[in-house]
C-alpha atoms as a PDB file:
ATOM      1  CA  UNK A   1      86.086  85.886 113.765  1.00  0.00           C
ATOM      2  CA  UNK A   2      87.260  88.810 115.874  1.00  0.00           C
ATOM      3  CA  UNK A   3      86.921  92.579 116.165  1.00  0.00           C
ATOM      4  CA  UNK A   4      89.755  94.071 118.214  1.00  0.00           C
ATOM      5  CA  UNK A   5      91.501  90.723 118.916  1.00  0.00           C
ATOM      6  CA  UNK A   6      89.829  90.385 122.315  1.00  0.00           C
ATOM      7  CA  UNK A   7      88.784  86.805 121.542  1.00  0.00           C
ATOM      8  CA  UNK A   8      92.192  85.953 120.079  1.00  0.00           C
ATOM      9  CA  UNK A   9      93.944  87.291 123.178  1.00  0.00           C
ATOM     10  CA  UNK A  10      91.501  85.504 125.492  1.00  0.00           C
ATOM     11  CA  UNK A  11      92.163  82.220 123.687  1.00  0.00           C
ATOM     12  CA  UNK A  12      95.916  82.696 124.128  1.00  0.00           C
ATOM     13  CA  UNK A  13      95.444  83.098 127.854  1.00  0.00           C
ATOM     14  CA  UNK A  14      94.135  79.557 127.930  1.00  0.00           C
ATOM     15  CA  UNK A  15      96.468  76.587 128.154  1.00  0.00           C
ATOM     16  CA  UNK A  16      94.941  74.787 125.182  1.00  0.00           C
ATOM     17  CA  UNK A  17      94.087  76.213 121.757  1.00  0.00           C
ATOM     18  CA  UNK A  18      94.526  73.091 119.617  1.00  0.00           C
ATOM     19  CA  UNK A  19      90.792  73.084 118.841  1.00  0.00           C
ATOM     20  CA  UNK A  20      91.176  76.448 117.047  1.00  0.00           C
ATOM     21  CA  UNK A  21      91.919  76.065 113.335  1.00  0.00           C
ATOM     22  CA  UNK A  22      92.441  79.751 112.512  1.00  0.00           C
ATOM     23  CA  UNK A  23      91.178  83.269 113.128  1.00  0.00           C
ATOM     24  CA  UNK A  24      89.998  86.322 111.190  1.00  0.00           C
ATOM     25  CA  UNK A  25      90.614  89.863 112.444  1.00  0.00           C
ATOM     26  CA  UNK A  26      88.496  92.763 111.217  1.00  0.00           C
ATOM     27  CA  UNK A  27      90.089  95.876 112.740  1.00  0.00           C
ATOM     28  CA  UNK A  28      93.331  97.847 112.662  1.00  0.00           C
ATOM     29  CA  UNK A  29      93.723  97.563 116.418  1.00  0.00           C
ATOM     30  CA  UNK A  30      93.077  93.826 116.326  1.00  0.00           C
ATOM     31  CA  UNK A  31      95.678  93.248 113.611  1.00  0.00           C
ATOM     32  CA  UNK A  32      98.217  95.237 115.645  1.00  0.00           C
ATOM     33  CA  UNK A  33      97.547  93.009 118.665  1.00  0.00           C
ATOM     34  CA  UNK A  34      97.737  89.812 116.582  1.00  0.00           C
ATOM     35  CA  UNK A  35     101.048  90.948 115.067  1.00  0.00           C
ATOM     36  CA  UNK A  36     102.348  91.691 118.571  1.00  0.00           C
ATOM     37  CA  UNK A  37     101.541  88.112 119.573  1.00  0.00           C
ATOM     38  CA  UNK A  38     103.248  86.842 116.430  1.00  0.00           C
ATOM     39  CA  UNK A  39     106.355  88.991 116.975  1.00  0.00           C
ATOM     40  CA  UNK A  40     106.808  87.372 120.393  1.00  0.00           C
ATOM     41  CA  UNK A  41     106.291  83.922 118.829  1.00  0.00           C
ATOM     42  CA  UNK A  42     103.169  83.440 120.929  1.00  0.00           C
ATOM     43  CA  UNK A  43     100.524  83.302 118.192  1.00  0.00           C
ATOM     44  CA  UNK A  44      99.419  79.661 118.065  1.00  0.00           C
ATOM     45  CA  UNK A  45      97.292  79.651 114.908  1.00  0.00           C
ATOM     46  CA  UNK A  46      97.042  81.569 111.610  1.00  0.00           C
ATOM     47  CA  UNK A  47      95.064  84.813 111.580  1.00  0.00           C
ATOM     48  CA  UNK A  48      93.798  86.434 108.379  1.00  0.00           C
ATOM     49  CA  UNK A  49      94.127  90.239 108.540  1.00  0.00           C
ATOM     50  CA  UNK A  50      90.872  91.242 106.861  1.00  0.00           C
ATOM     51  CA  UNK A  51      91.426  94.839 107.996  1.00  0.00           C
ATOM     52  CA  UNK A  52      94.550  95.184 105.847  1.00  0.00           C
ATOM     53  CA  UNK A  53      93.057  94.123 102.546  1.00  0.00           C
ATOM     54  CA  UNK A  54      92.185  96.945 100.089  1.00  0.00           C
ATOM     55  CA  UNK A  55      88.453  96.191  99.873  1.00  0.00           C
ATOM     56  CA  UNK A  56      88.276  96.692 103.637  1.00  0.00           C
ATOM     57  CA  UNK A  57      90.573  99.572 104.550  1.00  0.00           C
ATOM     58  CA  UNK A  58      90.045 101.663 101.405  1.00  0.00           C
ATOM     59  CA  UNK A  59      86.278 101.614 101.895  1.00  0.00           C
ATOM     60  CA  UNK A  60      85.051 100.611 105.366  1.00  0.00           C
ATOM     61  CA  UNK A  61      87.894 102.432 107.138  1.00  0.00           C
ATOM     62  CA  UNK A  62      88.034 105.486 104.900  1.00  0.00           C
ATOM     63  CA  UNK A  63      84.421 106.050 103.847  1.00  0.00           C
ATOM     64  CA  UNK A  64      82.578 104.175 106.608  1.00  0.00           C
ATOM     65  CA  UNK A  65      84.561 105.468 109.594  1.00  0.00           C
ATOM     66  CA  UNK A  66      84.905 108.878 107.964  1.00  0.00           C
ATOM     67  CA  UNK A  67      81.133 109.209 107.725  1.00  0.00           C
ATOM     68  CA  UNK A  68      80.133 107.628 111.037  1.00  0.00           C
ATOM     69  CA  UNK A  69      82.637 109.750 112.986  1.00  0.00           C
ATOM     70  CA  UNK A  70      81.193 112.979 111.631  1.00  0.00           C
ATOM     71  CA  UNK A  71      77.676 111.591 112.145  1.00  0.00           C
ATOM     72  CA  UNK A  72      78.417 110.810 115.806  1.00  0.00           C
ATOM     73  CA  UNK A  73      79.898 114.256 116.456  1.00  0.00           C
ATOM     74  CA  UNK A  74      76.949 116.040 114.889  1.00  0.00           C
ATOM     75  CA  UNK A  75      74.332 113.936 116.679  1.00  0.00           C
ATOM     76  CA  UNK A  76      76.014 114.482 120.042  1.00  0.00           C
ATOM     77  CA  UNK A  77      76.640 118.215 119.651  1.00  0.00           C
ATOM     78  CA  UNK A  78      74.699 119.694 116.697  1.00  0.00           C
ATOM     79  CA  UNK A  79      77.854 121.753 116.121  1.00  0.00           C
ATOM     80  CA  UNK A  80      78.517 123.622 112.883  1.00  0.00           C
ATOM     81  CA  UNK A  81      81.708 122.219 111.315  1.00  0.00           C
ATOM     82  CA  UNK A  82      82.066 124.983 108.721  1.00  0.00           C
ATOM     83  CA  UNK A  83      84.699 127.448 109.870  1.00  0.00           C
ATOM     84  CA  UNK A  84      85.875 125.293 112.799  1.00  0.00           C
ATOM     85  CA  UNK A  85      89.416 124.009 113.330  1.00  0.00           C
ATOM     86  CA  UNK A  86      89.275 120.225 113.259  1.00  0.00           C
ATOM     87  CA  UNK A  87      92.281 118.259 114.544  1.00  0.00           C
ATOM     88  CA  UNK A  88      92.699 114.648 113.406  1.00  0.00           C
ATOM     89  CA  UNK A  89      95.295 112.542 115.232  1.00  0.00           C
ATOM     90  CA  UNK A  90      96.438 109.802 112.861  1.00  0.00           C
ATOM     91  CA  UNK A  91      96.418 109.803 109.065  1.00  0.00           C
ATOM     92  CA  UNK A  92      95.856 106.139 108.352  1.00  0.00           C
ATOM     93  CA  UNK A  93      92.808 105.144 106.315  1.00  0.00           C
ATOM     94  CA  UNK A  94      90.382 106.036 109.115  1.00  0.00           C
ATOM     95  CA  UNK A  95      92.104 109.381 109.707  1.00  0.00           C
ATOM     96  CA  UNK A  96      92.091 110.124 105.981  1.00  0.00           C
ATOM     97  CA  UNK A  97      88.366 109.497 105.809  1.00  0.00           C
ATOM     98  CA  UNK A  98      87.631 111.681 108.842  1.00  0.00           C
ATOM     99  CA  UNK A  99      89.814 114.515 107.527  1.00  0.00           C
ATOM    100  CA  UNK A 100      88.196 114.278 104.087  1.00  0.00           C
ATOM    101  CA  UNK A 101      84.680 114.533 105.493  1.00  0.00           C
ATOM    102  CA  UNK A 102      85.534 117.365 107.915  1.00  0.00           C
ATOM    103  CA  UNK A 103      87.232 119.351 105.176  1.00  0.00           C
ATOM    104  CA  UNK A 104      84.304 118.744 102.842  1.00  0.00           C
ATOM    105  CA  UNK A 105      82.000 120.313 105.443  1.00  0.00           C
ATOM    106  CA  UNK A 106      84.089 123.465 105.611  1.00  0.00           C
ATOM    107  CA  UNK A 107      86.415 122.801 108.546  1.00  0.00           C
ATOM    108  CA  UNK A 108      90.084 123.781 108.607  1.00  0.00           C
ATOM    109  CA  UNK A 109      91.842 120.457 109.196  1.00  0.00           C
ATOM    110  CA  UNK A 110      95.058 119.904 111.142  1.00  0.00           C
ATOM    111  CA  UNK A 111      96.685 116.457 111.187  1.00  0.00           C
ATOM    112  CA  UNK A 112      98.946 115.141 113.958  1.00  0.00           C
ATOM    113  CA  UNK A 113     101.201 112.204 113.053  1.00  0.00           C
ATOM    114  CA  UNK A 114     104.264 110.267 114.224  1.00  0.00           C
ATOM    115  CA  UNK A 115     104.859 108.620 110.836  1.00  0.00           C
ATOM    116  CA  UNK A 116     106.832 110.739 108.362  1.00  0.00           C
ATOM    117  CA  UNK A 117     105.299 109.162 105.244  1.00  0.00           C
ATOM    118  CA  UNK A 118     101.733 109.657 106.454  1.00  0.00           C
ATOM    119  CA  UNK A 119     102.507 113.208 107.554  1.00  0.00           C
ATOM    120  CA  UNK A 120     103.918 113.935 104.091  1.00  0.00           C
ATOM    121  CA  UNK A 121     100.760 112.514 102.507  1.00  0.00           C
ATOM    122  CA  UNK A 122      98.655 114.854 104.647  1.00  0.00           C
ATOM    123  CA  UNK A 123     100.781 117.811 103.551  1.00  0.00           C
ATOM    124  CA  UNK A 124     100.446 116.799  99.894  1.00  0.00           C
ATOM    125  CA  UNK A 125      96.680 116.495 100.420  1.00  0.00           C
ATOM    126  CA  UNK A 126      96.696 120.178 101.369  1.00  0.00           C
ATOM    127  CA  UNK A 127      96.343 119.773 105.134  1.00  0.00           C
ATOM    128  CA  UNK A 128      98.319 121.407 107.932  1.00  0.00           C
ATOM    129  CA  UNK A 129     100.509 119.048 109.979  1.00  0.00           C
ATOM    130  CA  UNK A 130     101.476 119.928 113.548  1.00  0.00           C
ATOM    131  CA  UNK A 131     102.536 118.131 116.727  1.00  0.00           C
ATOM    132  CA  UNK A 132      99.665 117.752 119.173  1.00  0.00           C
ATOM    133  CA  UNK A 133     101.315 120.233 121.562  1.00  0.00           C
ATOM    134  CA  UNK A 134     101.045 122.923 118.860  1.00  0.00           C
ATOM    135  CA  UNK A 135      97.591 121.864 117.648  1.00  0.00           C
ATOM    136  CA  UNK A 136      96.072 121.768 121.152  1.00  0.00           C
ATOM    137  CA  UNK A 137      95.571 125.567 121.530  1.00  0.00           C
ATOM    138  CA  UNK A 138      94.148 125.842 117.993  1.00  0.00           C
ATOM    139  CA  UNK A 139      91.530 123.116 117.726  1.00  0.00           C
ATOM    140  CA  UNK A 140      87.798 123.356 118.226  1.00  0.00           C
ATOM    141  CA  UNK A 141      87.274 119.618 117.666  1.00  0.00           C
ATOM    142  CA  UNK A 142      89.793 116.825 118.268  1.00  0.00           C
ATOM    143  CA  UNK A 143      89.380 113.287 116.945  1.00  0.00           C
ATOM    144  CA  UNK A 144      91.857 110.477 117.565  1.00  0.00           C
ATOM    145  CA  UNK A 145      92.251 107.646 115.044  1.00  0.00           C
ATOM    146  CA  UNK A 146      95.624 106.109 115.805  1.00  0.00           C
ATOM    147  CA  UNK A 147      95.329 102.762 117.582  1.00  0.00           C
ATOM    148  CA  UNK A 148      97.630 104.163 120.284  1.00  0.00           C
ATOM    149  CA  UNK A 149      97.045 105.091 123.924  1.00  0.00           C
ATOM    150  CA  UNK A 150      97.649 108.518 125.449  1.00  0.00           C
ATOM    151  CA  UNK A 151      97.394 110.486 122.209  1.00  0.00           C
ATOM    152  CA  UNK A 152      95.715 113.457 123.922  1.00  0.00           C
ATOM    153  CA  UNK A 153      97.028 113.900 127.486  1.00  0.00           C
ATOM    154  CA  UNK A 154      96.896 116.259 130.464  1.00  0.00           C
ATOM    155  CA  UNK A 155      99.323 118.798 129.023  1.00  0.00           C
ATOM    156  CA  UNK A 156      97.164 119.004 125.894  1.00  0.00           C
ATOM    157  CA  UNK A 157      93.922 119.393 127.866  1.00  0.00           C
ATOM    158  CA  UNK A 158      95.381 122.346 129.792  1.00  0.00           C
ATOM    159  CA  UNK A 159      96.460 124.060 126.569  1.00  0.00           C
ATOM    160  CA  UNK A 160      93.081 123.748 124.823  1.00  0.00           C
ATOM    161  CA  UNK A 161      90.669 126.603 124.307  1.00  0.00           C
ATOM    162  CA  UNK A 162      87.451 126.887 126.282  1.00  0.00           C
ATOM    163  CA  UNK A 163      84.732 124.702 124.771  1.00  0.00           C
ATOM    164  CA  UNK A 164      86.955 122.309 122.804  1.00  0.00           C
ATOM    165  CA  UNK A 165      85.391 118.948 121.901  1.00  0.00           C
ATOM    166  CA  UNK A 166      87.209 115.616 122.333  1.00  0.00           C
ATOM    167  CA  UNK A 167      86.271 112.446 120.457  1.00  0.00           C
ATOM    168  CA  UNK A 168      87.852 109.102 119.656  1.00  0.00           C
ATOM    169  CA  UNK A 169      87.308 107.006 116.554  1.00  0.00           C
ATOM    170  CA  UNK A 170      90.270 104.675 116.451  1.00  0.00           C
ATOM    171  CA  UNK A 171      90.716 102.478 119.491  1.00  0.00           C
ATOM    172  CA  UNK A 172      89.514 101.802 123.029  1.00  0.00           C
ATOM    173  CA  UNK A 173      88.837 104.650 125.480  1.00  0.00           C
ATOM    174  CA  UNK A 174      92.564 105.282 125.973  1.00  0.00           C
ATOM    175  CA  UNK A 175      93.451 107.380 122.918  1.00  0.00           C
ATOM    176  CA  UNK A 176      91.984 110.376 124.703  1.00  0.00           C
ATOM    177  CA  UNK A 177      93.376 109.909 128.216  1.00  0.00           C
ATOM    178  CA  UNK A 178      89.972 109.924 129.903  1.00  0.00           C
ATOM    179  CA  UNK A 179      91.369 108.819 133.276  1.00  0.00           C
ATOM    180  CA  UNK A 180      93.734 111.809 133.363  1.00  0.00           C
ATOM    181  CA  UNK A 181      90.953 114.141 132.241  1.00  0.00           C
ATOM    182  CA  UNK A 182      88.819 112.971 135.163  1.00  0.00           C
ATOM    183  CA  UNK A 183      91.700 113.385 137.611  1.00  0.00           C
ATOM    184  CA  UNK A 184      92.410 116.850 136.259  1.00  0.00           C
ATOM    185  CA  UNK A 185      88.846 118.137 136.235  1.00  0.00           C
ATOM    186  CA  UNK A 186      87.270 119.619 139.317  1.00  0.00           C
ATOM    187  CA  UNK A 187      83.780 118.864 138.058  1.00  0.00           C
ATOM    188  CA  UNK A 188      82.114 116.750 135.363  1.00  0.00           C
ATOM    189  CA  UNK A 189      78.547 116.235 134.274  1.00  0.00           C
ATOM    190  CA  UNK A 190      76.702 114.779 131.295  1.00  0.00           C
ATOM    191  CA  UNK A 191      74.947 117.763 129.762  1.00  0.00           C
ATOM    192  CA  UNK A 192      73.256 115.827 126.960  1.00  0.00           C
ATOM    193  CA  UNK A 193      73.361 112.253 125.734  1.00  0.00           C
ATOM    194  CA  UNK A 194      76.946 111.198 124.890  1.00  0.00           C
ATOM    195  CA  UNK A 195      78.363 114.612 125.806  1.00  0.00           C
ATOM    196  CA  UNK A 196      80.140 115.146 129.134  1.00  0.00           C
ATOM    197  CA  UNK A 197      81.363 118.507 130.396  1.00  0.00           C
ATOM    198  CA  UNK A 198      84.672 118.717 132.294  1.00  0.00           C
ATOM    199  CA  UNK A 199      85.683 121.881 134.182  1.00  0.00           C
ATOM    200  CA  UNK A 200      89.471 122.250 134.379  1.00  0.00           C
ATOM    201  CA  UNK A 201      91.476 123.967 137.148  1.00  0.00           C
ATOM    202  CA  UNK A 202      92.131 126.900 134.791  1.00  0.00           C
ATOM    203  CA  UNK A 203      88.363 127.456 134.509  1.00  0.00           C
ATOM    204  CA  UNK A 204      88.098 126.259 130.927  1.00  0.00           C
ATOM    205  CA  UNK A 205      85.511 123.690 129.921  1.00  0.00           C
ATOM    206  CA  UNK A 206      86.191 120.687 127.684  1.00  0.00           C
ATOM    207  CA  UNK A 207      83.571 118.348 126.266  1.00  0.00           C
ATOM    208  CA  UNK A 208      84.140 114.600 125.876  1.00  0.00           C
ATOM    209  CA  UNK A 209      81.998 112.701 123.395  1.00  0.00           C
ATOM    210  CA  UNK A 210      80.820 109.100 123.893  1.00  0.00           C
ATOM    211  CA  UNK A 211      82.901 108.626 127.069  1.00  0.00           C
ATOM    212  CA  UNK A 212      86.000 108.481 124.887  1.00  0.00           C
ATOM    213  CA  UNK A 213      84.786 105.343 123.129  1.00  0.00           C
ATOM    214  CA  UNK A 214      84.219 105.002 119.385  1.00  0.00           C
ATOM    215  CA  UNK A 215      82.080 108.050 118.704  1.00  0.00           C
ATOM    216  CA  UNK A 216      80.595 106.748 115.454  1.00  0.00           C
ATOM    217  CA  UNK A 217      79.350 103.608 117.171  1.00  0.00           C
ATOM    218  CA  UNK A 218      78.259 105.056 120.520  1.00  0.00           C
ATOM    219  CA  UNK A 219      76.691 108.328 119.362  1.00  0.00           C
ATOM    220  CA  UNK A 220      75.693 107.220 115.854  1.00  0.00           C
ATOM    221  CA  UNK A 221      74.947 103.928 114.081  1.00  0.00           C
ATOM    222  CA  UNK A 222      78.448 102.867 112.960  1.00  0.00           C
ATOM    223  CA  UNK A 223      79.258 102.392 109.273  1.00  0.00           C
ATOM    224  CA  UNK A 224      76.367 101.959 106.814  1.00  0.00           C
ATOM    225  CA  UNK A 225      75.603  98.463 105.527  1.00  0.00           C
ATOM    226  CA  UNK A 226      76.362  99.689 102.012  1.00  0.00           C
ATOM    227  CA  UNK A 227      80.075  99.825 102.854  1.00  0.00           C
ATOM    228  CA  UNK A 228      80.226  97.201 105.600  1.00  0.00           C
ATOM    229  CA  UNK A 229      79.082  94.588 103.080  1.00  0.00           C
ATOM    230  CA  UNK A 230      82.611  94.634 101.624  1.00  0.00           C
ATOM    231  CA  UNK A 231      84.068  93.713 105.004  1.00  0.00           C
ATOM    232  CA  UNK A 232      81.443  91.045 105.640  1.00  0.00           C
ATOM    233  CA  UNK A 233      82.030  89.516 102.205  1.00  0.00           C
ATOM    234  CA  UNK A 234      85.743  89.329 102.967  1.00  0.00           C
ATOM    235  CA  UNK A 235      85.012  87.660 106.295  1.00  0.00           C
ATOM    236  CA  UNK A 236      82.676  85.103 104.714  1.00  0.00           C
ATOM    237  CA  UNK A 237      85.020  84.219 101.864  1.00  0.00           C
ATOM    238  CA  UNK A 238      88.032  84.079 104.196  1.00  0.00           C
ATOM    239  CA  UNK A 239      86.108  81.713 106.465  1.00  0.00           C
ATOM    240  CA  UNK A 240      85.523  79.400 103.499  1.00  0.00           C
ATOM    241  CA  UNK A 241      89.188  79.704 102.513  1.00  0.00           C
ATOM    242  CA  UNK A 242      90.357  78.809 106.027  1.00  0.00           C
ATOM    243  CA  UNK A 243      88.081  75.770 106.188  1.00  0.00           C
ATOM    244  CA  UNK A 244      89.847  74.422 103.104  1.00  0.00           C
ATOM    245  CA  UNK A 245      93.359  75.833 103.555  1.00  0.00           C
ATOM    246  CA  UNK A 246      93.607  76.630 107.281  1.00  0.00           C
ATOM    247  CA  UNK A 247      95.571  73.523 108.228  1.00  0.00           C
ATOM    248  CA  UNK A 248      98.269  74.307 105.673  1.00  0.00           C
ATOM    249  CA  UNK A 249      98.918  77.827 107.013  1.00  0.00           C
ATOM    250  CA  UNK A 250     101.568  78.417 109.646  1.00  0.00           C
ATOM    251  CA  UNK A 251     100.816  80.353 112.849  1.00  0.00           C
ATOM    252  CA  UNK A 252     101.113  84.050 112.068  1.00  0.00           C
ATOM    253  CA  UNK A 253      99.242  86.969 110.513  1.00  0.00           C
ATOM    254  CA  UNK A 254      98.369  86.353 106.865  1.00  0.00           C
ATOM    255  CA  UNK A 255      97.012  88.604 104.110  1.00  0.00           C
ATOM    256  CA  UNK A 256      93.654  88.032 102.478  1.00  0.00           C
ATOM    257  CA  UNK A 257      94.349  86.107  99.247  1.00  0.00           C
ATOM    258  CA  UNK A 258      94.339  88.555  96.337  1.00  0.00           C
ATOM    259  CA  UNK A 259      91.750  86.527  94.434  1.00  0.00           C
ATOM    260  CA  UNK A 260      89.287  86.994  97.321  1.00  0.00           C
ATOM    261  CA  UNK A 261      89.888  90.747  97.371  1.00  0.00           C
ATOM    262  CA  UNK A 262      89.381  90.935  93.606  1.00  0.00           C
ATOM    263  CA  UNK A 263      86.210  88.848  93.830  1.00  0.00           C
ATOM    264  CA  UNK A 264      84.750  91.086  96.539  1.00  0.00           C
ATOM    265  CA  UNK A 265      85.424  94.206  94.435  1.00  0.00           C
ATOM    266  CA  UNK A 266      83.820  92.648  91.364  1.00  0.00           C
ATOM    267  CA  UNK A 267      80.775  91.472  93.333  1.00  0.00           C
ATOM    268  CA  UNK A 268      80.305  94.997  94.726  1.00  0.00           C
ATOM    269  CA  UNK A 269      80.524  96.549  91.260  1.00  0.00           C
ATOM    270  CA  UNK A 270      78.035  93.980  89.975  1.00  0.00           C
ATOM    271  CA  UNK A 271      75.637  94.858  92.798  1.00  0.00           C
ATOM    272  CA  UNK A 272      75.992  98.539  91.839  1.00  0.00           C
ATOM    273  CA  UNK A 273      75.246  97.744  88.190  1.00  0.00           C
ATOM    274  CA  UNK A 274      78.697  98.845  87.026  1.00  0.00           C
ATOM    275  CA  UNK A 275      80.563  97.085  84.208  1.00  0.00           C
ATOM    276  CA  UNK A 276      84.289  97.042  83.462  1.00  0.00           C
ATOM    277  CA  UNK A 277      86.358  96.903  80.321  1.00  0.00           C
ATOM    278  CA  UNK A 278      88.397  93.747  79.664  1.00  0.00           C
ATOM    279  CA  UNK A 279      91.845  93.471  78.126  1.00  0.00           C
ATOM    280  CA  UNK A 280      91.975  92.096  74.590  1.00  0.00           C
ATOM    281  CA  UNK A 281      94.216  89.148  73.673  1.00  0.00           C
ATOM    282  CA  UNK A 282      96.651  91.613  72.123  1.00  0.00           C
ATOM    283  CA  UNK A 283      96.718  93.716  75.285  1.00  0.00           C
ATOM    284  CA  UNK A 284      97.294  90.648  77.451  1.00  0.00           C
ATOM    285  CA  UNK A 285     100.191  89.664  75.203  1.00  0.00           C
ATOM    286  CA  UNK A 286     101.630  93.174  75.396  1.00  0.00           C
ATOM    287  CA  UNK A 287     101.268  93.208  79.187  1.00  0.00           C
ATOM    288  CA  UNK A 288     103.208  89.959  79.544  1.00  0.00           C
ATOM    289  CA  UNK A 289     105.981  90.768  77.082  1.00  0.00           C
ATOM    290  CA  UNK A 290     109.358  92.312  77.816  1.00  0.00           C
ATOM    291  CA  UNK A 291     110.246  92.689  74.124  1.00  0.00           C
ATOM    292  CA  UNK A 292     107.683  95.334  73.238  1.00  0.00           C
ATOM    293  CA  UNK A 293     108.241  98.964  74.049  1.00  0.00           C
ATOM    294  CA  UNK A 294     109.212 102.283  72.475  1.00  0.00           C
ATOM    295  CA  UNK A 295     110.036 101.809  68.775  1.00  0.00           C
END
């Protein structure tokens, strides 16, 4: 059971992995790394992509990461979000959640994307979409949530306004190019817990939160248990599934079986005391028929 595919990668650096039946990956970054192994035909055992199943990404990624990112920023800075310009790099489920929460607290949200479909979604959600080079001079707060390295780089740092805040919520400490920021800055100091000040050659000051690591985990308490329970339920049920079915699966990245996802959603609703309607026999017949339609 992995979070970021570090264990999966470490196992593949060993000569022997025949004792490993299968793996489970919890995060977007980890699934990307597992798929990279699979694309090079190097993945030696099946991996279930828990991150990609709806009861994980729709909730933990969107609502959990959305909340803990804002929580981490506020704890580290006590900044007022209302009226600020908030730049979100990446409009996957984590980016959506962050943008939603920032906008709900009164910030003007700009999204930076490389994917045309996701950029179009952001536009249709009423957000401004700009390349990072154009967003850099405008933002008060920058948050990366992409799973990619070098999202905010030296040329962006130099274009930013005095006092801009930099945070990461999507990957390791490489989304914001911290190494380049250190090389660029003439001076740095931690001015309060999880908040480091960098003085640039142009005299402007930038602030890096949580050393460029996951701000919601370093400066806050990560996602609440009330949304993480969906992810943990998926992990537990997928573990049981792999114990029974793991030997029949080929090496590669596999989806969570739909019946597990459905069961997790129903268990969560039950825990919340929420009931659902059920289709009648007539409705089930109608749903399965091709002969019925407009009279």
